[in-house]
mmCIF file of all heavy atoms, coordinates in Angstrom:
data_MODEL
# 
_entry.id   MODEL 
# 
loop_
_atom_site.group_PDB 
_atom_site.id 
_atom_site.type_symbol 
_atom_site.label_atom_id 
_atom_site.label_alt_id 
_atom_site.label_comp_id 
_atom_site.label_asym_id 
_atom_site.label_entity_id 
_atom_site.label_seq_id 
_atom_site.pdbx_PDB_ins_code 
_atom_site.Cartn_x 
_atom_site.Cartn_y 
_atom_site.Cartn_z 
_atom_site.occupancy 
_atom_site.B_iso_or_equiv 
_atom_site.pdbx_formal_charge 
_atom_site.auth_seq_id 
_atom_site.auth_comp_id 
_atom_site.auth_asym_id 
_atom_site.auth_atom_id 
_atom_site.pdbx_PDB_model_num 
ATOM 1   N N   . THR A 1 1  ? 77.743 141.425 114.410 1.00 0.00 ? 1  THR A N   1 
ATOM 2   C CA  . THR A 1 1  ? 77.715 142.448 113.365 1.00 0.00 ? 1  THR A CA  1 
ATOM 3   C C   . THR A 1 1  ? 78.837 142.046 112.313 1.00 0.00 ? 1  THR A C   1 
ATOM 4   O O   . THR A 1 1  ? 78.781 142.380 111.153 1.00 0.00 ? 1  THR A O   1 
ATOM 5   C CB  . THR A 1 1  ? 78.239 143.837 113.971 1.00 0.00 ? 1  THR A CB  1 
ATOM 6   O OG1 . THR A 1 1  ? 79.371 143.573 114.766 1.00 0.00 ? 1  THR A OG1 1 
ATOM 7   C CG2 . THR A 1 1  ? 77.050 144.258 114.967 1.00 0.00 ? 1  THR A CG2 1 
ATOM 8   N N   . GLU A 1 2  ? 80.019 141.337 112.734 1.00 0.00 ? 2  GLU A N   1 
ATOM 9   C CA  . GLU A 1 2  ? 80.986 140.895 111.872 1.00 0.00 ? 2  GLU A CA  1 
ATOM 10  C C   . GLU A 1 2  ? 80.743 139.488 111.348 1.00 0.00 ? 2  GLU A C   1 
ATOM 11  O O   . GLU A 1 2  ? 80.082 138.680 112.013 1.00 0.00 ? 2  GLU A O   1 
ATOM 12  C CB  . GLU A 1 2  ? 82.368 140.907 112.477 1.00 0.00 ? 2  GLU A CB  1 
ATOM 13  C CG  . GLU A 1 2  ? 82.433 140.048 113.700 1.00 0.00 ? 2  GLU A CG  1 
ATOM 14  C CD  . GLU A 1 2  ? 83.816 139.943 114.336 1.00 0.00 ? 2  GLU A CD  1 
ATOM 15  O OE1 . GLU A 1 2  ? 84.810 140.427 113.774 1.00 0.00 ? 2  GLU A OE1 1 
ATOM 16  O OE2 . GLU A 1 2  ? 83.792 139.671 115.588 1.00 0.00 ? 2  GLU A OE2 1 
ATOM 17  N N   . PHE A 1 3  ? 81.114 139.219 110.156 1.00 0.00 ? 3  PHE A N   1 
ATOM 18  C CA  . PHE A 1 3  ? 80.986 137.866 109.613 1.00 0.00 ? 3  PHE A CA  1 
ATOM 19  C C   . PHE A 1 3  ? 82.080 136.887 110.324 1.00 0.00 ? 3  PHE A C   1 
ATOM 20  O O   . PHE A 1 3  ? 83.186 137.343 110.586 1.00 0.00 ? 3  PHE A O   1 
ATOM 21  C CB  . PHE A 1 3  ? 81.119 137.778 108.174 1.00 0.00 ? 3  PHE A CB  1 
ATOM 22  C CG  . PHE A 1 3  ? 79.994 138.311 107.388 1.00 0.00 ? 3  PHE A CG  1 
ATOM 23  C CD1 . PHE A 1 3  ? 80.249 139.257 106.510 1.00 0.00 ? 3  PHE A CD1 1 
ATOM 24  C CD2 . PHE A 1 3  ? 78.661 137.871 107.587 1.00 0.00 ? 3  PHE A CD2 1 
ATOM 25  C CE1 . PHE A 1 3  ? 79.109 139.851 105.778 1.00 0.00 ? 3  PHE A CE1 1 
ATOM 26  C CE2 . PHE A 1 3  ? 77.580 138.366 106.930 1.00 0.00 ? 3  PHE A CE2 1 
ATOM 27  C CZ  . PHE A 1 3  ? 77.754 139.354 106.028 1.00 0.00 ? 3  PHE A CZ  1 
ATOM 28  N N   . THR A 1 4  ? 81.727 135.614 110.526 1.00 0.00 ? 4  THR A N   1 
ATOM 29  C CA  . THR A 1 4  ? 82.493 134.651 111.237 1.00 0.00 ? 4  THR A CA  1 
ATOM 30  C C   . THR A 1 4  ? 83.023 133.661 110.208 1.00 0.00 ? 4  THR A C   1 
ATOM 31  O O   . THR A 1 4  ? 82.554 133.640 109.046 1.00 0.00 ? 4  THR A O   1 
ATOM 32  C CB  . THR A 1 4  ? 81.819 134.063 112.338 1.00 0.00 ? 4  THR A CB  1 
ATOM 33  O OG1 . THR A 1 4  ? 80.727 133.217 111.770 1.00 0.00 ? 4  THR A OG1 1 
ATOM 34  C CG2 . THR A 1 4  ? 81.180 135.034 113.314 1.00 0.00 ? 4  THR A CG2 1 
ATOM 35  N N   . VAL A 1 5  ? 83.961 132.783 110.732 1.00 0.00 ? 5  VAL A N   1 
ATOM 36  C CA  . VAL A 1 5  ? 84.461 131.714 109.873 1.00 0.00 ? 5  VAL A CA  1 
ATOM 37  C C   . VAL A 1 5  ? 83.253 130.864 109.449 1.00 0.00 ? 5  VAL A C   1 
ATOM 38  O O   . VAL A 1 5  ? 83.207 130.293 108.246 1.00 0.00 ? 5  VAL A O   1 
ATOM 39  C CB  . VAL A 1 5  ? 85.423 130.869 110.658 1.00 0.00 ? 5  VAL A CB  1 
ATOM 40  C CG1 . VAL A 1 5  ? 85.732 129.554 109.932 1.00 0.00 ? 5  VAL A CG1 1 
ATOM 41  C CG2 . VAL A 1 5  ? 86.668 131.681 110.921 1.00 0.00 ? 5  VAL A CG2 1 
ATOM 42  N N   . GLU A 1 6  ? 82.279 130.618 110.358 1.00 0.00 ? 6  GLU A N   1 
ATOM 43  C CA  . GLU A 1 6  ? 81.099 129.777 109.895 1.00 0.00 ? 6  GLU A CA  1 
ATOM 44  C C   . GLU A 1 6  ? 80.106 130.428 108.985 1.00 0.00 ? 6  GLU A C   1 
ATOM 45  O O   . GLU A 1 6  ? 79.393 129.745 108.319 1.00 0.00 ? 6  GLU A O   1 
ATOM 46  C CB  . GLU A 1 6  ? 80.328 129.426 111.228 1.00 0.00 ? 6  GLU A CB  1 
ATOM 47  C CG  . GLU A 1 6  ? 81.095 128.519 112.188 1.00 0.00 ? 6  GLU A CG  1 
ATOM 48  C CD  . GLU A 1 6  ? 82.166 129.269 112.973 1.00 0.00 ? 6  GLU A CD  1 
ATOM 49  O OE1 . GLU A 1 6  ? 82.115 130.488 113.125 1.00 0.00 ? 6  GLU A OE1 1 
ATOM 50  O OE2 . GLU A 1 6  ? 83.090 128.492 113.458 1.00 0.00 ? 6  GLU A OE2 1 
ATOM 51  N N   . ASP A 1 7  ? 80.316 131.835 108.759 1.00 0.00 ? 7  ASP A N   1 
ATOM 52  C CA  . ASP A 1 7  ? 79.469 132.508 107.869 1.00 0.00 ? 7  ASP A CA  1 
ATOM 53  C C   . ASP A 1 7  ? 79.986 132.399 106.337 1.00 0.00 ? 7  ASP A C   1 
ATOM 54  O O   . ASP A 1 7  ? 79.290 132.549 105.393 1.00 0.00 ? 7  ASP A O   1 
ATOM 55  C CB  . ASP A 1 7  ? 79.343 133.975 108.197 1.00 0.00 ? 7  ASP A CB  1 
ATOM 56  C CG  . ASP A 1 7  ? 78.439 134.256 109.409 1.00 0.00 ? 7  ASP A CG  1 
ATOM 57  O OD1 . ASP A 1 7  ? 77.527 133.615 109.541 1.00 0.00 ? 7  ASP A OD1 1 
ATOM 58  O OD2 . ASP A 1 7  ? 78.823 135.257 110.138 1.00 0.00 ? 7  ASP A OD2 1 
ATOM 59  N N   . VAL A 1 8  ? 81.281 132.056 106.280 1.00 0.00 ? 8  VAL A N   1 
ATOM 60  C CA  . VAL A 1 8  ? 81.957 132.026 105.021 1.00 0.00 ? 8  VAL A CA  1 
ATOM 61  C C   . VAL A 1 8  ? 81.251 130.957 104.079 1.00 0.00 ? 8  VAL A C   1 
ATOM 62  O O   . VAL A 1 8  ? 80.913 131.400 102.907 1.00 0.00 ? 8  VAL A O   1 
ATOM 63  C CB  . VAL A 1 8  ? 83.426 131.674 105.093 1.00 0.00 ? 8  VAL A CB  1 
ATOM 64  C CG1 . VAL A 1 8  ? 84.042 131.299 103.858 1.00 0.00 ? 8  VAL A CG1 1 
ATOM 65  C CG2 . VAL A 1 8  ? 84.150 132.862 105.709 1.00 0.00 ? 8  VAL A CG2 1 
ATOM 66  N N   . PRO A 1 9  ? 81.009 129.749 104.383 1.00 0.00 ? 9  PRO A N   1 
ATOM 67  C CA  . PRO A 1 9  ? 80.310 128.832 103.547 1.00 0.00 ? 9  PRO A CA  1 
ATOM 68  C C   . PRO A 1 9  ? 78.814 129.273 103.200 1.00 0.00 ? 9  PRO A C   1 
ATOM 69  O O   . PRO A 1 9  ? 78.318 129.029 102.107 1.00 0.00 ? 9  PRO A O   1 
ATOM 70  C CB  . PRO A 1 9  ? 80.319 127.432 104.174 1.00 0.00 ? 9  PRO A CB  1 
ATOM 71  C CG  . PRO A 1 9  ? 80.571 127.846 105.617 1.00 0.00 ? 9  PRO A CG  1 
ATOM 72  C CD  . PRO A 1 9  ? 81.353 129.029 105.692 1.00 0.00 ? 9  PRO A CD  1 
ATOM 73  N N   . LEU A 1 10 ? 78.213 130.021 104.050 1.00 0.00 ? 10 LEU A N   1 
ATOM 74  C CA  . LEU A 1 10 ? 76.857 130.449 103.860 1.00 0.00 ? 10 LEU A CA  1 
ATOM 75  C C   . LEU A 1 10 ? 76.926 131.613 102.843 1.00 0.00 ? 10 LEU A C   1 
ATOM 76  O O   . LEU A 1 10 ? 76.057 131.643 101.988 1.00 0.00 ? 10 LEU A O   1 
ATOM 77  C CB  . LEU A 1 10 ? 76.277 131.028 105.148 1.00 0.00 ? 10 LEU A CB  1 
ATOM 78  C CG  . LEU A 1 10 ? 76.145 130.009 106.363 1.00 0.00 ? 10 LEU A CG  1 
ATOM 79  C CD1 . LEU A 1 10 ? 75.490 130.649 107.516 1.00 0.00 ? 10 LEU A CD1 1 
ATOM 80  C CD2 . LEU A 1 10 ? 75.533 128.690 106.013 1.00 0.00 ? 10 LEU A CD2 1 
ATOM 81  N N   . LEU A 1 11 ? 77.868 132.520 102.872 1.00 0.00 ? 11 LEU A N   1 
ATOM 82  C CA  . LEU A 1 11 ? 78.053 133.542 101.882 1.00 0.00 ? 11 LEU A CA  1 
ATOM 83  C C   . LEU A 1 11 ? 78.398 132.999 100.557 1.00 0.00 ? 11 LEU A C   1 
ATOM 84  O O   . LEU A 1 11 ? 77.854 133.392 99.435  1.00 0.00 ? 11 LEU A O   1 
ATOM 85  C CB  . LEU A 1 11 ? 79.153 134.427 102.250 1.00 0.00 ? 11 LEU A CB  1 
ATOM 86  C CG  . LEU A 1 11 ? 78.889 135.370 103.472 1.00 0.00 ? 11 LEU A CG  1 
ATOM 87  C CD1 . LEU A 1 11 ? 80.105 136.108 104.025 1.00 0.00 ? 11 LEU A CD1 1 
ATOM 88  C CD2 . LEU A 1 11 ? 77.853 136.458 103.047 1.00 0.00 ? 11 LEU A CD2 1 
ATOM 89  N N   . ASP A 1 12 ? 79.188 131.937 100.483 1.00 0.00 ? 12 ASP A N   1 
ATOM 90  C CA  . ASP A 1 12 ? 79.573 131.283 99.227  1.00 0.00 ? 12 ASP A CA  1 
ATOM 91  C C   . ASP A 1 12 ? 78.356 130.558 98.657  1.00 0.00 ? 12 ASP A C   1 
ATOM 92  O O   . ASP A 1 12 ? 78.176 130.697 97.461  1.00 0.00 ? 12 ASP A O   1 
ATOM 93  C CB  . ASP A 1 12 ? 80.689 130.308 99.499  1.00 0.00 ? 12 ASP A CB  1 
ATOM 94  C CG  . ASP A 1 12 ? 81.392 129.844 98.194  1.00 0.00 ? 12 ASP A CG  1 
ATOM 95  O OD1 . ASP A 1 12 ? 82.159 130.657 97.630  1.00 0.00 ? 12 ASP A OD1 1 
ATOM 96  O OD2 . ASP A 1 12 ? 81.097 128.740 97.733  1.00 0.00 ? 12 ASP A OD2 1 
ATOM 97  N N   . GLU A 1 13 ? 77.504 129.937 99.423  1.00 0.00 ? 13 GLU A N   1 
ATOM 98  C CA  . GLU A 1 13 ? 76.312 129.245 98.973  1.00 0.00 ? 13 GLU A CA  1 
ATOM 99  C C   . GLU A 1 13 ? 75.385 130.322 98.339  1.00 0.00 ? 13 GLU A C   1 
ATOM 100 O O   . GLU A 1 13 ? 74.687 130.093 97.305  1.00 0.00 ? 13 GLU A O   1 
ATOM 101 C CB  . GLU A 1 13 ? 75.669 128.531 100.052 1.00 0.00 ? 13 GLU A CB  1 
ATOM 102 C CG  . GLU A 1 13 ? 74.535 127.571 99.635  1.00 0.00 ? 13 GLU A CG  1 
ATOM 103 C CD  . GLU A 1 13 ? 75.029 126.386 98.937  1.00 0.00 ? 13 GLU A CD  1 
ATOM 104 O OE1 . GLU A 1 13 ? 76.139 125.931 99.208  1.00 0.00 ? 13 GLU A OE1 1 
ATOM 105 O OE2 . GLU A 1 13 ? 74.312 125.751 98.198  1.00 0.00 ? 13 GLU A OE2 1 
ATOM 106 N N   . LEU A 1 14 ? 75.267 131.472 99.087  1.00 0.00 ? 14 LEU A N   1 
ATOM 107 C CA  . LEU A 1 14 ? 74.335 132.504 98.679  1.00 0.00 ? 14 LEU A CA  1 
ATOM 108 C C   . LEU A 1 14 ? 74.919 133.082 97.333  1.00 0.00 ? 14 LEU A C   1 
ATOM 109 O O   . LEU A 1 14 ? 74.168 133.373 96.382  1.00 0.00 ? 14 LEU A O   1 
ATOM 110 C CB  . LEU A 1 14 ? 74.258 133.634 99.580  1.00 0.00 ? 14 LEU A CB  1 
ATOM 111 C CG  . LEU A 1 14 ? 73.306 133.266 100.885 1.00 0.00 ? 14 LEU A CG  1 
ATOM 112 C CD1 . LEU A 1 14 ? 73.595 134.324 101.973 1.00 0.00 ? 14 LEU A CD1 1 
ATOM 113 C CD2 . LEU A 1 14 ? 71.841 133.259 100.453 1.00 0.00 ? 14 LEU A CD2 1 
ATOM 114 N N   . ALA A 1 15 ? 76.214 133.262 97.189  1.00 0.00 ? 15 ALA A N   1 
ATOM 115 C CA  . ALA A 1 15 ? 76.830 133.769 95.992  1.00 0.00 ? 15 ALA A CA  1 
ATOM 116 C C   . ALA A 1 15 ? 76.510 132.832 94.712  1.00 0.00 ? 15 ALA A C   1 
ATOM 117 O O   . ALA A 1 15 ? 76.238 133.226 93.667  1.00 0.00 ? 15 ALA A O   1 
ATOM 118 C CB  . ALA A 1 15 ? 78.261 133.966 96.115  1.00 0.00 ? 15 ALA A CB  1 
ATOM 119 N N   . GLU A 1 16 ? 76.445 131.583 95.018  1.00 0.00 ? 16 GLU A N   1 
ATOM 120 C CA  . GLU A 1 16 ? 76.183 130.532 94.040  1.00 0.00 ? 16 GLU A CA  1 
ATOM 121 C C   . GLU A 1 16 ? 74.708 130.657 93.625  1.00 0.00 ? 16 GLU A C   1 
ATOM 122 O O   . GLU A 1 16 ? 74.336 130.494 92.484  1.00 0.00 ? 16 GLU A O   1 
ATOM 123 C CB  . GLU A 1 16 ? 76.473 129.094 94.574  1.00 0.00 ? 16 GLU A CB  1 
ATOM 124 C CG  . GLU A 1 16 ? 76.520 128.041 93.502  1.00 0.00 ? 16 GLU A CG  1 
ATOM 125 C CD  . GLU A 1 16 ? 77.694 128.078 92.648  1.00 0.00 ? 16 GLU A CD  1 
ATOM 126 O OE1 . GLU A 1 16 ? 78.648 128.878 92.881  1.00 0.00 ? 16 GLU A OE1 1 
ATOM 127 O OE2 . GLU A 1 16 ? 77.786 127.267 91.634  1.00 0.00 ? 16 GLU A OE2 1 
ATOM 128 N N   . LEU A 1 17 ? 73.864 130.825 94.546  1.00 0.00 ? 17 LEU A N   1 
ATOM 129 C CA  . LEU A 1 17 ? 72.410 130.947 94.320  1.00 0.00 ? 17 LEU A CA  1 
ATOM 130 C C   . LEU A 1 17 ? 72.130 132.366 93.559  1.00 0.00 ? 17 LEU A C   1 
ATOM 131 O O   . LEU A 1 17 ? 71.180 132.462 92.779  1.00 0.00 ? 17 LEU A O   1 
ATOM 132 C CB  . LEU A 1 17 ? 71.579 130.896 95.536  1.00 0.00 ? 17 LEU A CB  1 
ATOM 133 C CG  . LEU A 1 17 ? 71.648 129.555 96.297  1.00 0.00 ? 17 LEU A CG  1 
ATOM 134 C CD1 . LEU A 1 17 ? 71.071 129.678 97.739  1.00 0.00 ? 17 LEU A CD1 1 
ATOM 135 C CD2 . LEU A 1 17 ? 70.879 128.545 95.493  1.00 0.00 ? 17 LEU A CD2 1 
ATOM 136 N N   . LEU A 1 18 ? 72.807 133.303 93.971  1.00 0.00 ? 18 LEU A N   1 
ATOM 137 C CA  . LEU A 1 18 ? 72.468 134.703 93.480  1.00 0.00 ? 18 LEU A CA  1 
ATOM 138 C C   . LEU A 1 18 ? 73.147 135.099 92.210  1.00 0.00 ? 18 LEU A C   1 
ATOM 139 O O   . LEU A 1 18 ? 72.613 135.782 91.379  1.00 0.00 ? 18 LEU A O   1 
ATOM 140 C CB  . LEU A 1 18 ? 72.777 135.811 94.461  1.00 0.00 ? 18 LEU A CB  1 
ATOM 141 C CG  . LEU A 1 18 ? 71.970 135.771 95.866  1.00 0.00 ? 18 LEU A CG  1 
ATOM 142 C CD1 . LEU A 1 18 ? 72.594 136.740 96.896  1.00 0.00 ? 18 LEU A CD1 1 
ATOM 143 C CD2 . LEU A 1 18 ? 70.561 136.142 95.570  1.00 0.00 ? 18 LEU A CD2 1 
ATOM 144 N N   . GLY A 1 19 ? 74.347 134.543 91.975  1.00 0.00 ? 19 GLY A N   1 
ATOM 145 C CA  . GLY A 1 19 ? 75.181 135.136 90.874  1.00 0.00 ? 19 GLY A CA  1 
ATOM 146 C C   . GLY A 1 19 ? 75.578 136.435 91.147  1.00 0.00 ? 19 GLY A C   1 
ATOM 147 O O   . GLY A 1 19 ? 75.364 137.098 92.201  1.00 0.00 ? 19 GLY A O   1 
ATOM 148 N N   . SER A 1 20 ? 76.030 137.206 90.066  1.00 0.00 ? 20 SER A N   1 
ATOM 149 C CA  . SER A 1 20 ? 76.439 138.576 90.223  1.00 0.00 ? 20 SER A CA  1 
ATOM 150 C C   . SER A 1 20 ? 75.179 139.475 90.270  1.00 0.00 ? 20 SER A C   1 
ATOM 151 O O   . SER A 1 20 ? 74.402 139.295 89.455  1.00 0.00 ? 20 SER A O   1 
ATOM 152 C CB  . SER A 1 20 ? 77.359 138.957 89.132  1.00 0.00 ? 20 SER A CB  1 
ATOM 153 O OG  . SER A 1 20 ? 78.588 138.237 89.097  1.00 0.00 ? 20 SER A OG  1 
ATOM 154 N N   . ALA A 1 21 ? 75.247 140.414 91.158  1.00 0.00 ? 21 ALA A N   1 
ATOM 155 C CA  . ALA A 1 21 ? 74.217 141.416 91.060  1.00 0.00 ? 21 ALA A CA  1 
ATOM 156 C C   . ALA A 1 21 ? 74.472 142.287 89.876  1.00 0.00 ? 21 ALA A C   1 
ATOM 157 O O   . ALA A 1 21 ? 75.613 142.437 89.373  1.00 0.00 ? 21 ALA A O   1 
ATOM 158 C CB  . ALA A 1 21 ? 74.255 142.321 92.430  1.00 0.00 ? 21 ALA A CB  1 
ATOM 159 N N   . PRO A 1 22 ? 73.375 142.916 89.386  1.00 0.00 ? 22 PRO A N   1 
ATOM 160 C CA  . PRO A 1 22 ? 73.455 143.840 88.190  1.00 0.00 ? 22 PRO A CA  1 
ATOM 161 C C   . PRO A 1 22 ? 74.517 144.833 88.237  1.00 0.00 ? 22 PRO A C   1 
ATOM 162 O O   . PRO A 1 22 ? 75.318 145.054 87.332  1.00 0.00 ? 22 PRO A O   1 
ATOM 163 C CB  . PRO A 1 22 ? 72.061 144.351 87.910  1.00 0.00 ? 22 PRO A CB  1 
ATOM 164 C CG  . PRO A 1 22 ? 71.208 143.439 88.622  1.00 0.00 ? 22 PRO A CG  1 
ATOM 165 C CD  . PRO A 1 22 ? 71.974 142.754 89.755  1.00 0.00 ? 22 PRO A CD  1 
ATOM 166 N N   . GLN A 1 23 ? 74.702 145.520 89.427  1.00 0.00 ? 23 GLN A N   1 
ATOM 167 C CA  . GLN A 1 23 ? 75.623 146.564 89.512  1.00 0.00 ? 23 GLN A CA  1 
ATOM 168 C C   . GLN A 1 23 ? 76.958 145.997 89.503  1.00 0.00 ? 23 GLN A C   1 
ATOM 169 O O   . GLN A 1 23 ? 78.011 146.590 89.057  1.00 0.00 ? 23 GLN A O   1 
ATOM 170 C CB  . GLN A 1 23 ? 75.444 147.330 90.752  1.00 0.00 ? 23 GLN A CB  1 
ATOM 171 C CG  . GLN A 1 23 ? 75.452 146.645 92.132  1.00 0.00 ? 23 GLN A CG  1 
ATOM 172 C CD  . GLN A 1 23 ? 74.089 146.081 92.472  1.00 0.00 ? 23 GLN A CD  1 
ATOM 173 O OE1 . GLN A 1 23 ? 73.257 145.892 91.655  1.00 0.00 ? 23 GLN A OE1 1 
ATOM 174 N NE2 . GLN A 1 23 ? 73.788 145.949 93.789  1.00 0.00 ? 23 GLN A NE2 1 
ATOM 175 N N   . GLN A 1 24 ? 77.186 144.734 90.042  1.00 0.00 ? 24 GLN A N   1 
ATOM 176 C CA  . GLN A 1 24 ? 78.510 144.081 90.041  1.00 0.00 ? 24 GLN A CA  1 
ATOM 177 C C   . GLN A 1 24 ? 78.941 143.705 88.711  1.00 0.00 ? 24 GLN A C   1 
ATOM 178 O O   . GLN A 1 24 ? 80.094 143.904 88.272  1.00 0.00 ? 24 GLN A O   1 
ATOM 179 C CB  . GLN A 1 24 ? 78.529 142.839 90.989  1.00 0.00 ? 24 GLN A CB  1 
ATOM 180 C CG  . GLN A 1 24 ? 78.334 143.056 92.481  1.00 0.00 ? 24 GLN A CG  1 
ATOM 181 C CD  . GLN A 1 24 ? 78.166 141.883 93.255  1.00 0.00 ? 24 GLN A CD  1 
ATOM 182 O OE1 . GLN A 1 24 ? 77.440 140.991 92.831  1.00 0.00 ? 24 GLN A OE1 1 
ATOM 183 N NE2 . GLN A 1 24 ? 78.680 141.848 94.484  1.00 0.00 ? 24 GLN A NE2 1 
ATOM 184 N N   . THR A 1 25 ? 77.964 143.163 87.916  1.00 0.00 ? 25 THR A N   1 
ATOM 185 C CA  . THR A 1 25 ? 78.252 142.796 86.487  1.00 0.00 ? 25 THR A CA  1 
ATOM 186 C C   . THR A 1 25 ? 78.634 143.985 85.698  1.00 0.00 ? 25 THR A C   1 
ATOM 187 O O   . THR A 1 25 ? 79.710 144.018 84.973  1.00 0.00 ? 25 THR A O   1 
ATOM 188 C CB  . THR A 1 25 ? 76.984 142.130 85.895  1.00 0.00 ? 25 THR A CB  1 
ATOM 189 O OG1 . THR A 1 25 ? 76.689 141.015 86.676  1.00 0.00 ? 25 THR A OG1 1 
ATOM 190 C CG2 . THR A 1 25 ? 77.257 141.670 84.520  1.00 0.00 ? 25 THR A CG2 1 
ATOM 191 N N   . GLN A 1 26 ? 77.973 145.118 85.942  1.00 0.00 ? 26 GLN A N   1 
ATOM 192 C CA  . GLN A 1 26 ? 78.164 146.272 85.264  1.00 0.00 ? 26 GLN A CA  1 
ATOM 193 C C   . GLN A 1 26 ? 79.587 146.861 85.577  1.00 0.00 ? 26 GLN A C   1 
ATOM 194 O O   . GLN A 1 26 ? 80.379 147.298 84.722  1.00 0.00 ? 26 GLN A O   1 
ATOM 195 C CB  . GLN A 1 26 ? 77.191 147.450 85.494  1.00 0.00 ? 26 GLN A CB  1 
ATOM 196 C CG  . GLN A 1 26 ? 77.345 148.753 84.697  1.00 0.00 ? 26 GLN A CG  1 
ATOM 197 C CD  . GLN A 1 26 ? 77.138 148.393 83.175  1.00 0.00 ? 26 GLN A CD  1 
ATOM 198 O OE1 . GLN A 1 26 ? 76.304 147.711 82.789  1.00 0.00 ? 26 GLN A OE1 1 
ATOM 199 N NE2 . GLN A 1 26 ? 78.141 148.858 82.330  1.00 0.00 ? 26 GLN A NE2 1 
ATOM 200 N N   . ALA A 1 27 ? 79.946 146.785 86.884  1.00 0.00 ? 27 ALA A N   1 
ATOM 201 C CA  . ALA A 1 27 ? 81.248 147.274 87.298  1.00 0.00 ? 27 ALA A CA  1 
ATOM 202 C C   . ALA A 1 27 ? 82.339 146.470 86.673  1.00 0.00 ? 27 ALA A C   1 
ATOM 203 O O   . ALA A 1 27 ? 83.391 146.985 86.254  1.00 0.00 ? 27 ALA A O   1 
ATOM 204 C CB  . ALA A 1 27 ? 81.344 147.165 88.822  1.00 0.00 ? 27 ALA A CB  1 
ATOM 205 N N   . ARG A 1 28 ? 82.219 145.202 86.581  1.00 0.00 ? 28 ARG A N   1 
ATOM 206 C CA  . ARG A 1 28 ? 83.206 144.275 85.949  1.00 0.00 ? 28 ARG A CA  1 
ATOM 207 C C   . ARG A 1 28 ? 83.238 144.561 84.495  1.00 0.00 ? 28 ARG A C   1 
ATOM 208 O O   . ARG A 1 28 ? 84.441 144.619 83.919  1.00 0.00 ? 28 ARG A O   1 
ATOM 209 C CB  . ARG A 1 28 ? 82.877 142.701 86.172  1.00 0.00 ? 28 ARG A CB  1 
ATOM 210 C CG  . ARG A 1 28 ? 83.873 141.839 85.666  1.00 0.00 ? 28 ARG A CG  1 
ATOM 211 C CD  . ARG A 1 28 ? 83.657 140.375 86.016  1.00 0.00 ? 28 ARG A CD  1 
ATOM 212 N NE  . ARG A 1 28 ? 82.388 139.945 85.310  1.00 0.00 ? 28 ARG A NE  1 
ATOM 213 C CZ  . ARG A 1 28 ? 81.222 139.618 85.943  1.00 0.00 ? 28 ARG A CZ  1 
ATOM 214 N NH1 . ARG A 1 28 ? 81.175 139.737 87.270  1.00 0.00 ? 28 ARG A NH1 1 
ATOM 215 N NH2 . ARG A 1 28 ? 80.286 139.131 85.267  1.00 0.00 ? 28 ARG A NH2 1 
# 
């Protein structure tokens, strides 16, 4: 249920592939 140390690079890779979600961009 919790993210692990090994999930960190997977999240970072996904962030690179996804970019900012529209709601995140609007919030910024």
